[in-house]
């Protein structure tokens, strides 16, 4: 027999769910959309359910399910006697009701976890990806321009460097709006404040410690949520900005890479991404037989860039580029 505690446990385990007491009734919702509601005496549970299927549900098991009141028939909604439900049955009903009101990508990330990450690429695979990446027109032009403009060390305490980072991110398709004359520059102000709060490691990716990875993940999560006009900076731009700041340490991602490897793009996933990159970097250095990182990247065919970037380029070629081709 299912209980109110079962409803609460299941609902609050689902992303974005909030519990509210509304007119003496416990309700669970995503934003302003209610998908579960208990009756005042907590003996009945209303839940989101497709209108076109509910008549069949009620007809099949009238001892468990019944139609909502007439004023609610226009909604995708049905009612159940909580004591008549088994726990497994309740789990399915709650999960499907939740799935109806969250974005599809949120449901997929929670219910369909990504496949196991691929094994570390061999040096031969990295060379093959480097050859493809080198074939893209002007692939390194904007990066070297940023390095030259900032003296090889991006410092976001400097307004000129924040402006340079904005231009560089847009050159990679981030489409961050430039303020009009007289408008406040929310990105500039946000970057300056964010920079003061985060001390980022300078260690190569292969030598990052768990604590340093945790700090990168916290910095990433805050940066991704940074207000930029009417939206936030976002996960791809945040990852690329961290790479620009610490090119030896950070293996960035784009949406396709993050979804394929991790399913989501929050701070915890970014930490997992850096842990994965660290293991791959160590494997590449081991296969390199004693070559240091700079020599190894040159041998792979990408002189002057970090091993973190070589690994990102491999992911771009094998996941993002091939998926779009």
C-alpha atoms as a PDB file:
ATOM      1  CA  UNK A   1       0.000   0.000   0.000  1.00  0.00           C
ATOM      2  CA  UNK A   2       1.396   3.392  -1.006  1.00  0.00           C
ATOM      3  CA  UNK A   3       1.619   6.193   1.548  1.00  0.00           C
ATOM      4  CA  UNK A   4       1.972   9.963   1.605  1.00  0.00           C
ATOM      5  CA  UNK A   5       5.596   9.472   2.624  1.00  0.00           C
ATOM      6  CA  UNK A   6       6.113   7.419  -0.548  1.00  0.00           C
ATOM      7  CA  UNK A   7       4.635  10.230  -2.656  1.00  0.00           C
ATOM      8  CA  UNK A   8       6.882  12.813  -1.008  1.00  0.00           C
ATOM      9  CA  UNK A   9      10.004  10.660  -1.324  1.00  0.00           C
ATOM     10  CA  UNK A  10       9.399   9.938  -5.001  1.00  0.00           C
ATOM     11  CA  UNK A  11       8.440  13.478  -5.962  1.00  0.00           C
ATOM     12  CA  UNK A  12      11.331  15.186  -4.188  1.00  0.00           C
ATOM     13  CA  UNK A  13      13.815  12.793  -5.808  1.00  0.00           C
ATOM     14  CA  UNK A  14      12.845  14.182  -9.226  1.00  0.00           C
ATOM     15  CA  UNK A  15      14.776  17.225 -10.504  1.00  0.00           C
ATOM     16  CA  UNK A  16      13.202  20.685 -10.140  1.00  0.00           C
ATOM     17  CA  UNK A  17      10.335  19.454  -7.945  1.00  0.00           C
ATOM     18  CA  UNK A  18       9.169  21.738  -5.142  1.00  0.00           C
ATOM     19  CA  UNK A  19       6.626  20.950  -2.420  1.00  0.00           C
ATOM     20  CA  UNK A  20       4.030  23.583  -1.530  1.00  0.00           C
ATOM     21  CA  UNK A  21       1.057  23.807   0.825  1.00  0.00           C
ATOM     22  CA  UNK A  22      -1.730  25.490  -1.159  1.00  0.00           C
ATOM     23  CA  UNK A  23      -5.182  25.952   0.439  1.00  0.00           C
ATOM     24  CA  UNK A  24      -4.445  23.207   2.974  1.00  0.00           C
ATOM     25  CA  UNK A  25      -3.407  20.759   0.244  1.00  0.00           C
ATOM     26  CA  UNK A  26       0.105  19.429  -0.334  1.00  0.00           C
ATOM     27  CA  UNK A  27       1.102  19.889  -3.966  1.00  0.00           C
ATOM     28  CA  UNK A  28       4.232  19.159  -5.918  1.00  0.00           C
ATOM     29  CA  UNK A  29       5.129  21.319  -8.867  1.00  0.00           C
ATOM     30  CA  UNK A  30       7.739  22.334 -11.417  1.00  0.00           C
ATOM     31  CA  UNK A  31       7.841  26.120 -11.493  1.00  0.00           C
ATOM     32  CA  UNK A  32       4.163  27.046 -11.385  1.00  0.00           C
ATOM     33  CA  UNK A  33       2.881  23.781 -12.909  1.00  0.00           C
ATOM     34  CA  UNK A  34       1.397  21.301 -10.423  1.00  0.00           C
ATOM     35  CA  UNK A  35       1.817  17.656 -11.358  1.00  0.00           C
ATOM     36  CA  UNK A  36       0.833  15.974  -8.078  1.00  0.00           C
ATOM     37  CA  UNK A  37      -1.734  17.034  -5.469  1.00  0.00           C
ATOM     38  CA  UNK A  38      -2.934  15.291  -2.334  1.00  0.00           C
ATOM     39  CA  UNK A  39      -6.476  15.719  -1.062  1.00  0.00           C
ATOM     40  CA  UNK A  40      -6.940  17.589   2.220  1.00  0.00           C
ATOM     41  CA  UNK A  41      -7.252  14.322   4.150  1.00  0.00           C
ATOM     42  CA  UNK A  42      -4.317  12.892   2.127  1.00  0.00           C
ATOM     43  CA  UNK A  43      -6.269   9.789   1.125  1.00  0.00           C
ATOM     44  CA  UNK A  44      -6.396  10.663  -2.593  1.00  0.00           C
ATOM     45  CA  UNK A  45      -3.735  11.657  -5.083  1.00  0.00           C
ATOM     46  CA  UNK A  46      -4.334  13.704  -8.211  1.00  0.00           C
ATOM     47  CA  UNK A  47      -1.655  13.494 -10.880  1.00  0.00           C
ATOM     48  CA  UNK A  48      -0.895  14.676 -14.378  1.00  0.00           C
ATOM     49  CA  UNK A  49      -2.106  12.146 -16.924  1.00  0.00           C
ATOM     50  CA  UNK A  50      -2.996  12.342 -20.640  1.00  0.00           C
ATOM     51  CA  UNK A  51      -6.678  13.256 -21.084  1.00  0.00           C
ATOM     52  CA  UNK A  52      -7.082  10.891 -24.029  1.00  0.00           C
ATOM     53  CA  UNK A  53      -5.995   7.893 -21.930  1.00  0.00           C
ATOM     54  CA  UNK A  54      -7.674   8.494 -18.591  1.00  0.00           C
ATOM     55  CA  UNK A  55     -11.120   7.069 -19.450  1.00  0.00           C
ATOM     56  CA  UNK A  56      -9.520   3.733 -20.231  1.00  0.00           C
ATOM     57  CA  UNK A  57      -7.480   3.892 -17.019  1.00  0.00           C
ATOM     58  CA  UNK A  58     -10.564   4.553 -14.881  1.00  0.00           C
ATOM     59  CA  UNK A  59     -12.641   1.920 -16.679  1.00  0.00           C
ATOM     60  CA  UNK A  60      -9.939  -0.719 -16.239  1.00  0.00           C
ATOM     61  CA  UNK A  61      -9.481  -0.206 -12.472  1.00  0.00           C
ATOM     62  CA  UNK A  62     -12.342   1.843 -11.015  1.00  0.00           C
ATOM     63  CA  UNK A  63     -11.431   0.736  -7.501  1.00  0.00           C
ATOM     64  CA  UNK A  64      -8.147   2.651  -7.873  1.00  0.00           C
ATOM     65  CA  UNK A  65      -8.762   5.519 -10.279  1.00  0.00           C
ATOM     66  CA  UNK A  66     -11.524   8.066 -10.850  1.00  0.00           C
ATOM     67  CA  UNK A  67     -12.090  11.205 -12.890  1.00  0.00           C
ATOM     68  CA  UNK A  68     -11.420  14.638 -11.407  1.00  0.00           C
ATOM     69  CA  UNK A  69     -14.257  17.014 -10.644  1.00  0.00           C
ATOM     70  CA  UNK A  70     -16.046  18.506 -13.651  1.00  0.00           C
ATOM     71  CA  UNK A  71     -14.163  21.825 -13.506  1.00  0.00           C
ATOM     72  CA  UNK A  72     -10.836  19.971 -13.819  1.00  0.00           C
ATOM     73  CA  UNK A  73     -11.792  17.718 -16.729  1.00  0.00           C
ATOM     74  CA  UNK A  74     -10.211  20.172 -19.163  1.00  0.00           C
ATOM     75  CA  UNK A  75      -6.797  19.447 -17.654  1.00  0.00           C
ATOM     76  CA  UNK A  76      -4.516  16.460 -18.190  1.00  0.00           C
ATOM     77  CA  UNK A  77      -5.435  15.075 -14.780  1.00  0.00           C
ATOM     78  CA  UNK A  78      -6.818  12.003 -13.025  1.00  0.00           C
ATOM     79  CA  UNK A  79      -7.305  10.933  -9.401  1.00  0.00           C
ATOM     80  CA  UNK A  80      -6.339   7.803  -7.450  1.00  0.00           C
ATOM     81  CA  UNK A  81      -7.127   6.292  -4.062  1.00  0.00           C
ATOM     82  CA  UNK A  82      -3.692   6.258  -2.504  1.00  0.00           C
ATOM     83  CA  UNK A  83      -4.241   3.179  -0.325  1.00  0.00           C
ATOM     84  CA  UNK A  84      -5.216   1.148  -3.406  1.00  0.00           C
ATOM     85  CA  UNK A  85      -1.862   1.722  -5.118  1.00  0.00           C
ATOM     86  CA  UNK A  86       1.204  -0.461  -4.777  1.00  0.00           C
ATOM     87  CA  UNK A  87       4.553   1.277  -4.349  1.00  0.00           C
ATOM     88  CA  UNK A  88       5.855   0.184  -7.768  1.00  0.00           C
ATOM     89  CA  UNK A  89       2.673   1.428  -9.406  1.00  0.00           C
ATOM     90  CA  UNK A  90       2.928   4.758  -7.583  1.00  0.00           C
ATOM     91  CA  UNK A  91       6.530   5.132  -8.739  1.00  0.00           C
ATOM     92  CA  UNK A  92       5.499   4.794 -12.371  1.00  0.00           C
ATOM     93  CA  UNK A  93       2.556   7.209 -12.033  1.00  0.00           C
ATOM     94  CA  UNK A  94       4.611   9.886 -10.246  1.00  0.00           C
ATOM     95  CA  UNK A  95       7.505   9.592 -12.682  1.00  0.00           C
ATOM     96  CA  UNK A  96       5.288   9.818 -15.756  1.00  0.00           C
ATOM     97  CA  UNK A  97       3.368  12.767 -14.305  1.00  0.00           C
ATOM     98  CA  UNK A  98       6.686  14.543 -13.690  1.00  0.00           C
ATOM     99  CA  UNK A  99       7.878  13.724 -17.207  1.00  0.00           C
ATOM    100  CA  UNK A 100       4.814  15.509 -18.624  1.00  0.00           C
ATOM    101  CA  UNK A 101       5.812  18.878 -17.122  1.00  0.00           C
ATOM    102  CA  UNK A 102       9.614  19.057 -17.315  1.00  0.00           C
ATOM    103  CA  UNK A 103      11.665  19.807 -20.431  1.00  0.00           C
ATOM    104  CA  UNK A 104      12.439  16.671 -22.405  1.00  0.00           C
ATOM    105  CA  UNK A 105      16.186  17.104 -21.929  1.00  0.00           C
ATOM    106  CA  UNK A 106      15.745  17.193 -18.133  1.00  0.00           C
ATOM    107  CA  UNK A 107      13.702  13.991 -18.234  1.00  0.00           C
ATOM    108  CA  UNK A 108      16.249  12.288 -20.499  1.00  0.00           C
ATOM    109  CA  UNK A 109      19.157  13.305 -18.301  1.00  0.00           C
ATOM    110  CA  UNK A 110      17.474  11.899 -15.193  1.00  0.00           C
ATOM    111  CA  UNK A 111      15.803   8.799 -16.579  1.00  0.00           C
ATOM    112  CA  UNK A 112      18.193   7.841 -19.386  1.00  0.00           C
ATOM    113  CA  UNK A 113      21.711   8.156 -17.978  1.00  0.00           C
ATOM    114  CA  UNK A 114      24.468   8.504 -20.582  1.00  0.00           C
ATOM    115  CA  UNK A 115      26.438   5.522 -21.733  1.00  0.00           C
ATOM    116  CA  UNK A 116      29.780   4.766 -20.137  1.00  0.00           C
ATOM    117  CA  UNK A 117      32.453   7.188 -21.344  1.00  0.00           C
ATOM    118  CA  UNK A 118      34.719   5.933 -24.111  1.00  0.00           C
ATOM    119  CA  UNK A 119      38.166   4.655 -23.178  1.00  0.00           C
ATOM    120  CA  UNK A 120      41.168   6.937 -23.259  1.00  0.00           C
ATOM    121  CA  UNK A 121      42.150   7.714 -26.868  1.00  0.00           C
ATOM    122  CA  UNK A 122      45.452   6.332 -28.105  1.00  0.00           C
ATOM    123  CA  UNK A 123      48.138   8.624 -29.487  1.00  0.00           C
ATOM    124  CA  UNK A 124      47.286   7.343 -32.955  1.00  0.00           C
ATOM    125  CA  UNK A 125      43.666   8.417 -32.447  1.00  0.00           C
ATOM    126  CA  UNK A 126      44.765  11.816 -31.141  1.00  0.00           C
ATOM    127  CA  UNK A 127      46.989  12.284 -34.204  1.00  0.00           C
ATOM    128  CA  UNK A 128      44.095  11.412 -36.508  1.00  0.00           C
ATOM    129  CA  UNK A 129      41.836  13.932 -34.771  1.00  0.00           C
ATOM    130  CA  UNK A 130      44.580  16.564 -34.846  1.00  0.00           C
ATOM    131  CA  UNK A 131      44.914  16.125 -38.592  1.00  0.00           C
ATOM    132  CA  UNK A 132      41.182  16.753 -39.022  1.00  0.00           C
ATOM    133  CA  UNK A 133      41.211  19.713 -36.644  1.00  0.00           C
ATOM    134  CA  UNK A 134      44.206  21.297 -38.366  1.00  0.00           C
ATOM    135  CA  UNK A 135      42.237  21.205 -41.592  1.00  0.00           C
ATOM    136  CA  UNK A 136      39.633  23.679 -40.306  1.00  0.00           C
ATOM    137  CA  UNK A 137      40.259  27.145 -41.717  1.00  0.00           C
ATOM    138  CA  UNK A 138      41.795  29.596 -39.254  1.00  0.00           C
ATOM    139  CA  UNK A 139      41.334  27.187 -36.392  1.00  0.00           C
ATOM    140  CA  UNK A 140      43.883  28.852 -34.075  1.00  0.00           C
ATOM    141  CA  UNK A 141      43.663  32.455 -35.272  1.00  0.00           C
ATOM    142  CA  UNK A 142      41.343  33.834 -32.600  1.00  0.00           C
ATOM    143  CA  UNK A 143      43.151  31.957 -29.831  1.00  0.00           C
ATOM    144  CA  UNK A 144      46.535  33.405 -30.684  1.00  0.00           C
ATOM    145  CA  UNK A 145      44.972  36.836 -31.058  1.00  0.00           C
ATOM    146  CA  UNK A 146      43.569  36.544 -27.532  1.00  0.00           C
ATOM    147  CA  UNK A 147      46.933  35.394 -26.189  1.00  0.00           C
ATOM    148  CA  UNK A 148      48.714  38.293 -27.866  1.00  0.00           C
ATOM    149  CA  UNK A 149      46.172  40.841 -26.672  1.00  0.00           C
ATOM    150  CA  UNK A 150      46.402  39.629 -23.056  1.00  0.00           C
ATOM    151  CA  UNK A 151      50.135  38.956 -22.936  1.00  0.00           C
ATOM    152  CA  UNK A 152      49.575  35.211 -22.700  1.00  0.00           C
ATOM    153  CA  UNK A 153      47.886  35.460 -19.297  1.00  0.00           C
ATOM    154  CA  UNK A 154      44.215  36.409 -19.116  1.00  0.00           C
ATOM    155  CA  UNK A 155      43.527  38.503 -15.991  1.00  0.00           C
ATOM    156  CA  UNK A 156      39.879  39.357 -15.438  1.00  0.00           C
ATOM    157  CA  UNK A 157      40.711  42.070 -12.945  1.00  0.00           C
ATOM    158  CA  UNK A 158      41.573  44.119 -16.055  1.00  0.00           C
ATOM    159  CA  UNK A 159      38.702  45.615 -18.050  1.00  0.00           C
ATOM    160  CA  UNK A 160      40.593  45.222 -21.332  1.00  0.00           C
ATOM    161  CA  UNK A 161      41.022  41.504 -20.679  1.00  0.00           C
ATOM    162  CA  UNK A 162      37.321  41.073 -19.892  1.00  0.00           C
ATOM    163  CA  UNK A 163      36.502  42.755 -23.193  1.00  0.00           C
ATOM    164  CA  UNK A 164      38.986  40.517 -24.999  1.00  0.00           C
ATOM    165  CA  UNK A 165      37.413  37.409 -23.473  1.00  0.00           C
ATOM    166  CA  UNK A 166      33.944  38.587 -24.578  1.00  0.00           C
ATOM    167  CA  UNK A 167      35.155  38.961 -28.172  1.00  0.00           C
ATOM    168  CA  UNK A 168      36.901  35.592 -28.103  1.00  0.00           C
ATOM    169  CA  UNK A 169      33.836  33.776 -26.775  1.00  0.00           C
ATOM    170  CA  UNK A 170      31.715  35.308 -29.530  1.00  0.00           C
ATOM    171  CA  UNK A 171      34.279  34.262 -32.122  1.00  0.00           C
ATOM    172  CA  UNK A 172      33.472  30.694 -31.042  1.00  0.00           C
ATOM    173  CA  UNK A 173      29.754  31.167 -31.539  1.00  0.00           C
ATOM    174  CA  UNK A 174      28.649  32.026 -27.988  1.00  0.00           C
ATOM    175  CA  UNK A 175      26.565  35.031 -29.215  1.00  0.00           C
ATOM    176  CA  UNK A 176      26.884  37.110 -26.052  1.00  0.00           C
ATOM    177  CA  UNK A 177      25.261  40.463 -26.724  1.00  0.00           C
ATOM    178  CA  UNK A 178      27.419  43.585 -26.665  1.00  0.00           C
ATOM    179  CA  UNK A 179      25.823  46.422 -24.658  1.00  0.00           C
ATOM    180  CA  UNK A 180      24.578  49.471 -26.512  1.00  0.00           C
ATOM    181  CA  UNK A 181      26.023  52.852 -25.708  1.00  0.00           C
ATOM    182  CA  UNK A 182      24.852  53.924 -22.266  1.00  0.00           C
ATOM    183  CA  UNK A 183      23.706  50.435 -21.238  1.00  0.00           C
ATOM    184  CA  UNK A 184      25.301  48.677 -18.245  1.00  0.00           C
ATOM    185  CA  UNK A 185      27.702  45.897 -19.240  1.00  0.00           C
ATOM    186  CA  UNK A 186      26.383  43.046 -17.098  1.00  0.00           C
ATOM    187  CA  UNK A 187      28.937  40.558 -18.398  1.00  0.00           C
ATOM    188  CA  UNK A 188      31.855  42.862 -17.600  1.00  0.00           C
ATOM    189  CA  UNK A 189      30.624  43.563 -14.082  1.00  0.00           C
ATOM    190  CA  UNK A 190      29.768  39.921 -13.461  1.00  0.00           C
ATOM    191  CA  UNK A 191      33.140  38.638 -14.654  1.00  0.00           C
ATOM    192  CA  UNK A 192      34.994  41.118 -12.455  1.00  0.00           C
ATOM    193  CA  UNK A 193      33.036  40.060  -9.359  1.00  0.00           C
ATOM    194  CA  UNK A 194      33.293  36.354 -10.200  1.00  0.00           C
ATOM    195  CA  UNK A 195      37.056  36.622 -10.676  1.00  0.00           C
ATOM    196  CA  UNK A 196      37.490  38.018  -7.163  1.00  0.00           C
ATOM    197  CA  UNK A 197      35.713  35.025  -5.636  1.00  0.00           C
ATOM    198  CA  UNK A 198      37.605  32.185  -7.299  1.00  0.00           C
ATOM    199  CA  UNK A 199      41.243  31.144  -7.043  1.00  0.00           C
ATOM    200  CA  UNK A 200      41.902  28.773  -9.933  1.00  0.00           C
ATOM    201  CA  UNK A 201      44.709  26.231 -10.083  1.00  0.00           C
ATOM    202  CA  UNK A 202      47.504  26.521 -12.646  1.00  0.00           C
ATOM    203  CA  UNK A 203      48.432  22.803 -12.633  1.00  0.00           C
ATOM    204  CA  UNK A 204      48.366  20.773 -15.862  1.00  0.00           C
ATOM    205  CA  UNK A 205      45.241  18.677 -16.319  1.00  0.00           C
ATOM    206  CA  UNK A 206      47.111  15.434 -15.604  1.00  0.00           C
ATOM    207  CA  UNK A 207      48.159  16.708 -12.162  1.00  0.00           C
ATOM    208  CA  UNK A 208      44.941  18.305 -10.923  1.00  0.00           C
ATOM    209  CA  UNK A 209      44.040  17.281  -7.373  1.00  0.00           C
ATOM    210  CA  UNK A 210      40.478  16.412  -6.300  1.00  0.00           C
ATOM    211  CA  UNK A 211      40.292  19.690  -4.385  1.00  0.00           C
ATOM    212  CA  UNK A 212      41.393  21.701  -7.426  1.00  0.00           C
ATOM    213  CA  UNK A 213      38.820  19.929  -9.600  1.00  0.00           C
ATOM    214  CA  UNK A 214      36.134  20.700  -7.015  1.00  0.00           C
ATOM    215  CA  UNK A 215      37.080  24.385  -7.116  1.00  0.00           C
ATOM    216  CA  UNK A 216      36.943  24.441 -10.907  1.00  0.00           C
ATOM    217  CA  UNK A 217      33.488  22.841 -10.781  1.00  0.00           C
ATOM    218  CA  UNK A 218      32.204  25.448  -8.305  1.00  0.00           C
ATOM    219  CA  UNK A 219      33.677  28.251 -10.403  1.00  0.00           C
ATOM    220  CA  UNK A 220      32.132  26.776 -13.544  1.00  0.00           C
ATOM    221  CA  UNK A 221      28.654  26.466 -12.021  1.00  0.00           C
ATOM    222  CA  UNK A 222      28.648  30.066 -10.835  1.00  0.00           C
ATOM    223  CA  UNK A 223      30.048  31.320 -14.130  1.00  0.00           C
ATOM    224  CA  UNK A 224      27.468  29.445 -16.208  1.00  0.00           C
ATOM    225  CA  UNK A 225      24.701  31.128 -14.178  1.00  0.00           C
ATOM    226  CA  UNK A 226      26.202  34.617 -14.549  1.00  0.00           C
ATOM    227  CA  UNK A 227      23.505  37.027 -15.805  1.00  0.00           C
ATOM    228  CA  UNK A 228      24.102  38.379 -19.296  1.00  0.00           C
ATOM    229  CA  UNK A 229      21.207  40.636 -20.188  1.00  0.00           C
ATOM    230  CA  UNK A 230      18.062  38.512 -20.152  1.00  0.00           C
ATOM    231  CA  UNK A 231      19.855  35.178 -20.027  1.00  0.00           C
ATOM    232  CA  UNK A 232      22.818  33.540 -18.318  1.00  0.00           C
ATOM    233  CA  UNK A 233      26.289  33.053 -19.747  1.00  0.00           C
ATOM    234  CA  UNK A 234      25.557  29.342 -20.148  1.00  0.00           C
ATOM    235  CA  UNK A 235      27.510  26.078 -19.833  1.00  0.00           C
ATOM    236  CA  UNK A 236      29.423  26.129 -23.120  1.00  0.00           C
ATOM    237  CA  UNK A 237      30.654  29.708 -22.725  1.00  0.00           C
ATOM    238  CA  UNK A 238      31.550  29.062 -19.078  1.00  0.00           C
ATOM    239  CA  UNK A 239      33.646  26.017 -19.986  1.00  0.00           C
ATOM    240  CA  UNK A 240      35.417  27.907 -22.786  1.00  0.00           C
ATOM    241  CA  UNK A 241      36.064  30.884 -20.504  1.00  0.00           C
ATOM    242  CA  UNK A 242      37.663  28.614 -17.916  1.00  0.00           C
ATOM    243  CA  UNK A 243      39.828  27.101 -20.634  1.00  0.00           C
ATOM    244  CA  UNK A 244      40.891  30.592 -21.752  1.00  0.00           C
ATOM    245  CA  UNK A 245      41.873  31.381 -18.163  1.00  0.00           C
ATOM    246  CA  UNK A 246      43.626  28.051 -17.465  1.00  0.00           C
ATOM    247  CA  UNK A 247      44.422  26.406 -20.809  1.00  0.00           C
ATOM    248  CA  UNK A 248      46.752  23.826 -19.249  1.00  0.00           C
ATOM    249  CA  UNK A 249      44.184  22.736 -16.662  1.00  0.00           C
ATOM    250  CA  UNK A 250      40.741  22.741 -18.266  1.00  0.00           C
ATOM    251  CA  UNK A 251      39.380  20.389 -20.901  1.00  0.00           C
ATOM    252  CA  UNK A 252      36.314  22.374 -22.049  1.00  0.00           C
ATOM    253  CA  UNK A 253      33.127  21.006 -23.595  1.00  0.00           C
ATOM    254  CA  UNK A 254      30.278  21.978 -25.874  1.00  0.00           C
ATOM    255  CA  UNK A 255      26.650  20.842 -25.655  1.00  0.00           C
ATOM    256  CA  UNK A 256      27.136  17.713 -27.781  1.00  0.00           C
ATOM    257  CA  UNK A 257      30.187  16.545 -25.836  1.00  0.00           C
ATOM    258  CA  UNK A 258      28.613  17.178 -22.434  1.00  0.00           C
ATOM    259  CA  UNK A 259      25.358  15.421 -23.365  1.00  0.00           C
ATOM    260  CA  UNK A 260      27.112  12.396 -24.856  1.00  0.00           C
ATOM    261  CA  UNK A 261      29.530  11.902 -21.980  1.00  0.00           C
ATOM    262  CA  UNK A 262      27.586  13.119 -18.945  1.00  0.00           C
ATOM    263  CA  UNK A 263      23.931  13.697 -19.821  1.00  0.00           C
ATOM    264  CA  UNK A 264      23.822  17.054 -18.001  1.00  0.00           C
ATOM    265  CA  UNK A 265      25.953  20.196 -17.789  1.00  0.00           C
ATOM    266  CA  UNK A 266      25.905  21.130 -14.120  1.00  0.00           C
ATOM    267  CA  UNK A 267      28.884  21.586 -11.804  1.00  0.00           C
ATOM    268  CA  UNK A 268      29.011  17.937 -10.778  1.00  0.00           C
ATOM    269  CA  UNK A 269      29.122  16.875 -14.438  1.00  0.00           C
ATOM    270  CA  UNK A 270      31.906  19.373 -15.124  1.00  0.00           C
ATOM    271  CA  UNK A 271      33.898  17.867 -12.254  1.00  0.00           C
ATOM    272  CA  UNK A 272      33.401  14.416 -13.803  1.00  0.00           C
ATOM    273  CA  UNK A 273      34.539  15.831 -17.130  1.00  0.00           C
ATOM    274  CA  UNK A 274      37.791  17.078 -15.621  1.00  0.00           C
ATOM    275  CA  UNK A 275      38.337  13.756 -13.850  1.00  0.00           C
ATOM    276  CA  UNK A 276      37.850  11.990 -17.187  1.00  0.00           C
ATOM    277  CA  UNK A 277      40.234  14.416 -18.890  1.00  0.00           C
ATOM    278  CA  UNK A 278      42.822  13.903 -16.178  1.00  0.00           C
ATOM    279  CA  UNK A 279      42.759  10.124 -16.674  1.00  0.00           C
ATOM    280  CA  UNK A 280      43.046  10.555 -20.442  1.00  0.00           C
ATOM    281  CA  UNK A 281      45.926  13.013 -20.086  1.00  0.00           C
ATOM    282  CA  UNK A 282      47.791  10.606 -17.815  1.00  0.00           C
ATOM    283  CA  UNK A 283      47.237   7.747 -20.273  1.00  0.00           C
ATOM    284  CA  UNK A 284      48.549   9.856 -23.170  1.00  0.00           C
ATOM    285  CA  UNK A 285      51.655  10.880 -21.244  1.00  0.00           C
ATOM    286  CA  UNK A 286      52.289   7.277 -20.241  1.00  0.00           C
ATOM    287  CA  UNK A 287      51.995   6.108 -23.842  1.00  0.00           C
ATOM    288  CA  UNK A 288      54.289   8.972 -24.832  1.00  0.00           C
ATOM    289  CA  UNK A 289      57.123   7.209 -23.051  1.00  0.00           C
ATOM    290  CA  UNK A 290      58.566  10.105 -21.077  1.00  0.00           C
ATOM    291  CA  UNK A 291      57.846  13.012 -23.415  1.00  0.00           C
ATOM    292  CA  UNK A 292      56.794  16.121 -21.560  1.00  0.00           C
ATOM    293  CA  UNK A 293      53.414  17.645 -22.384  1.00  0.00           C
ATOM    294  CA  UNK A 294      54.687  20.245 -24.864  1.00  0.00           C
ATOM    295  CA  UNK A 295      56.749  17.674 -26.775  1.00  0.00           C
ATOM    296  CA  UNK A 296      53.864  15.211 -26.776  1.00  0.00           C
ATOM    297  CA  UNK A 297      51.421  17.761 -28.203  1.00  0.00           C
ATOM    298  CA  UNK A 298      53.959  18.640 -30.906  1.00  0.00           C
ATOM    299  CA  UNK A 299      54.406  14.972 -31.716  1.00  0.00           C
ATOM    300  CA  UNK A 300      50.628  14.571 -31.981  1.00  0.00           C
ATOM    301  CA  UNK A 301      50.564  17.435 -34.465  1.00  0.00           C
ATOM    302  CA  UNK A 302      49.314  20.316 -32.284  1.00  0.00           C
ATOM    303  CA  UNK A 303      52.401  22.234 -31.183  1.00  0.00           C
ATOM    304  CA  UNK A 304      51.817  25.215 -28.929  1.00  0.00           C
ATOM    305  CA  UNK A 305      48.533  24.024 -27.421  1.00  0.00           C
ATOM    306  CA  UNK A 306      47.939  22.156 -24.184  1.00  0.00           C
ATOM    307  CA  UNK A 307      47.148  18.482 -23.784  1.00  0.00           C
ATOM    308  CA  UNK A 308      43.793  19.519 -22.299  1.00  0.00           C
ATOM    309  CA  UNK A 309      42.980  21.258 -25.575  1.00  0.00           C
ATOM    310  CA  UNK A 310      44.224  18.323 -27.677  1.00  0.00           C
ATOM    311  CA  UNK A 311      41.804  16.068 -25.800  1.00  0.00           C
ATOM    312  CA  UNK A 312      38.961  18.563 -26.273  1.00  0.00           C
ATOM    313  CA  UNK A 313      39.712  18.733 -29.998  1.00  0.00           C
ATOM    314  CA  UNK A 314      39.583  14.935 -30.187  1.00  0.00           C
ATOM    315  CA  UNK A 315      36.136  14.992 -28.559  1.00  0.00           C
ATOM    316  CA  UNK A 316      34.992  17.731 -30.912  1.00  0.00           C
ATOM    317  CA  UNK A 317      36.128  15.797 -33.983  1.00  0.00           C
ATOM    318  CA  UNK A 318      34.786  12.421 -32.867  1.00  0.00           C
ATOM    319  CA  UNK A 319      31.500  13.596 -31.281  1.00  0.00           C
ATOM    320  CA  UNK A 320      30.390  17.097 -32.267  1.00  0.00           C
ATOM    321  CA  UNK A 321      31.794  17.304 -35.812  1.00  0.00           C
ATOM    322  CA  UNK A 322      30.942  13.766 -36.882  1.00  0.00           C
ATOM    323  CA  UNK A 323      27.437  14.037 -35.448  1.00  0.00           C
ATOM    324  CA  UNK A 324      26.855  17.187 -37.505  1.00  0.00           C
ATOM    325  CA  UNK A 325      28.387  15.767 -40.698  1.00  0.00           C
END
